[in-house]
């Protein structure tokens, strides 16, 4: 009985399912950007990505076709920016570890600052 309900839900037409099937690359980039924004605890990127996805889902199919290049460019730019932020966070963490193990001179942890950040 449960499998029957799942098959009915899967067969239902929804804007989200259409978007995921027709624009798979953009959809995967959006999922990756959502995940990385959560990992980096960046509300600015999370809300920007959420707004972009909601705009794409709310617009009808003809508007999406017309604005496809714009949405793709914005999504690629947003994903590239968050990947750059992720690289900066990894570099910062590595530099902090090197300082705390006394392998490099102190720059981040000077004057008692322990180097922790709540967001990147």
Protein backbone atom coordinates (compact mmCIF):
# COMPACT_ATOMS: atom_id res chain seq x y z
CA UNK A 1 0.00 0.00 0.00
CA UNK A 2 2.81 2.39 0.86
CA UNK A 3 4.56 1.79 -2.48
CA UNK A 4 1.35 2.69 -4.29
CA UNK A 5 1.19 6.05 -2.50
CA UNK A 6 4.81 6.79 -3.37
CA UNK A 7 4.23 5.99 -7.03
CA UNK A 8 1.23 8.32 -7.10
CA UNK A 9 3.27 11.12 -5.53
CA UNK A 10 6.12 10.53 -7.96
CA UNK A 11 3.78 10.69 -10.94
CA UNK A 12 2.22 13.97 -9.84
CA UNK A 13 3.21 17.05 -11.81
CA UNK A 14 4.81 19.73 -9.70
CA UNK A 15 6.88 22.77 -10.66
CA UNK A 16 9.72 21.48 -8.51
CA UNK A 17 9.80 18.12 -10.31
CA UNK A 18 9.69 19.82 -13.72
CA UNK A 19 12.50 22.16 -12.74
CA UNK A 20 14.63 19.29 -11.41
CA UNK A 21 14.15 17.27 -14.59
CA UNK A 22 14.64 20.00 -17.16
CA UNK A 23 17.46 21.94 -15.51
CA UNK A 24 19.44 19.24 -13.74
CA UNK A 25 22.78 21.08 -13.69
CA UNK A 26 21.23 24.17 -12.13
CA UNK A 27 19.34 21.97 -9.68
CA UNK A 28 22.54 20.18 -8.59
CA UNK A 29 24.35 23.49 -8.21
CA UNK A 30 21.48 24.79 -6.09
CA UNK A 31 21.60 21.74 -3.82
CA UNK A 32 25.38 22.07 -3.47
CA UNK A 33 25.06 25.77 -2.67
CA UNK A 34 22.39 25.06 -0.05
CA UNK A 35 24.60 22.44 1.59
CA UNK A 36 27.74 24.58 1.60
CA UNK A 37 25.87 27.60 2.95
CA UNK A 38 24.68 25.45 5.85
CA UNK A 39 28.21 24.12 6.45
CA UNK A 40 29.62 27.65 6.42
CA UNK A 41 26.68 28.91 8.53
CA UNK A 42 26.15 31.77 6.10
CA UNK A 43 22.61 33.06 6.31
CA UNK A 44 23.25 35.57 3.52
CA UNK A 45 24.07 32.85 0.98
CA UNK A 46 21.32 30.55 2.25
CA UNK A 47 18.64 33.23 1.92
CA UNK A 48 19.94 34.31 -1.50
CA UNK A 49 19.83 30.74 -2.76
CA UNK A 50 16.39 30.20 -1.25
CA UNK A 51 15.08 33.35 -2.94
CA UNK A 52 16.53 32.28 -6.28
CA UNK A 53 14.96 28.83 -6.08
CA UNK A 54 11.60 30.26 -5.03
CA UNK A 55 11.61 32.75 -7.91
CA UNK A 56 12.37 29.98 -10.39
CA UNK A 57 9.63 27.77 -8.95
CA UNK A 58 7.04 30.56 -8.86
CA UNK A 59 7.59 31.77 -12.41
CA UNK A 60 5.71 29.98 -15.13
CA UNK A 61 7.41 27.87 -17.78
CA UNK A 62 7.59 30.57 -20.48
CA UNK A 63 9.28 33.04 -18.13
CA UNK A 64 11.81 30.41 -17.11
CA UNK A 65 12.67 29.73 -20.74
CA UNK A 66 13.16 33.44 -21.43
CA UNK A 67 15.20 34.04 -18.27
CA UNK A 68 17.07 30.71 -18.32
CA UNK A 69 20.43 32.28 -19.15
CA UNK A 70 20.05 34.86 -16.39
CA UNK A 71 19.12 32.28 -13.76
CA UNK A 72 21.94 29.99 -14.87
CA UNK A 73 24.48 32.82 -14.68
CA UNK A 74 23.28 33.86 -11.22
CA UNK A 75 23.39 30.26 -9.98
CA UNK A 76 26.90 29.64 -11.33
CA UNK A 77 28.10 32.92 -9.83
CA UNK A 78 26.55 32.11 -6.46
CA UNK A 79 28.03 28.61 -6.45
CA UNK A 80 31.48 29.89 -7.45
CA UNK A 81 31.35 32.49 -4.69
CA UNK A 82 30.41 29.97 -2.04
CA UNK A 83 33.14 27.59 -3.25
CA UNK A 84 35.63 30.46 -2.90
CA UNK A 85 34.35 31.14 0.63
CA UNK A 86 34.74 27.44 1.42
CA UNK A 87 38.35 27.52 0.19
CA UNK A 88 39.02 30.59 2.36
CA UNK A 89 37.53 28.83 5.39
CA UNK A 90 39.69 25.76 4.80
CA UNK A 91 42.81 27.92 4.41
CA UNK A 92 41.95 29.85 7.58
CA UNK A 93 41.47 26.63 9.52
CA UNK A 94 44.78 25.24 8.25
CA UNK A 95 46.62 28.44 9.18
CA UNK A 96 45.02 28.35 12.63
CA UNK A 97 46.12 24.75 13.17
CA UNK A 98 49.68 25.63 12.12
CA UNK A 99 49.73 28.50 14.60
CA UNK A 100 48.34 26.48 17.46
CA UNK A 101 50.92 23.73 16.92
CA UNK A 102 53.68 26.39 16.86
CA UNK A 103 54.78 25.61 13.32
CA UNK A 104 54.28 29.20 12.12
CA UNK A 105 54.55 32.57 13.87
CA UNK A 106 51.38 33.84 15.56
CA UNK A 107 49.21 36.12 13.42
CA UNK A 108 45.65 35.01 14.07
CA UNK A 109 46.01 34.09 17.73
CA UNK A 110 47.86 37.19 18.90
CA UNK A 111 46.78 38.87 22.14
CA UNK A 112 44.91 35.83 23.44
CA UNK A 113 42.41 35.55 20.58
CA UNK A 114 41.70 31.86 19.99
CA UNK A 115 40.74 32.27 16.31
CA UNK A 116 37.21 30.90 16.41
CA UNK A 117 34.53 32.25 14.06
CA UNK A 118 30.81 31.76 14.11
CA UNK A 119 30.45 32.22 10.35
CA UNK A 120 32.64 32.65 7.29
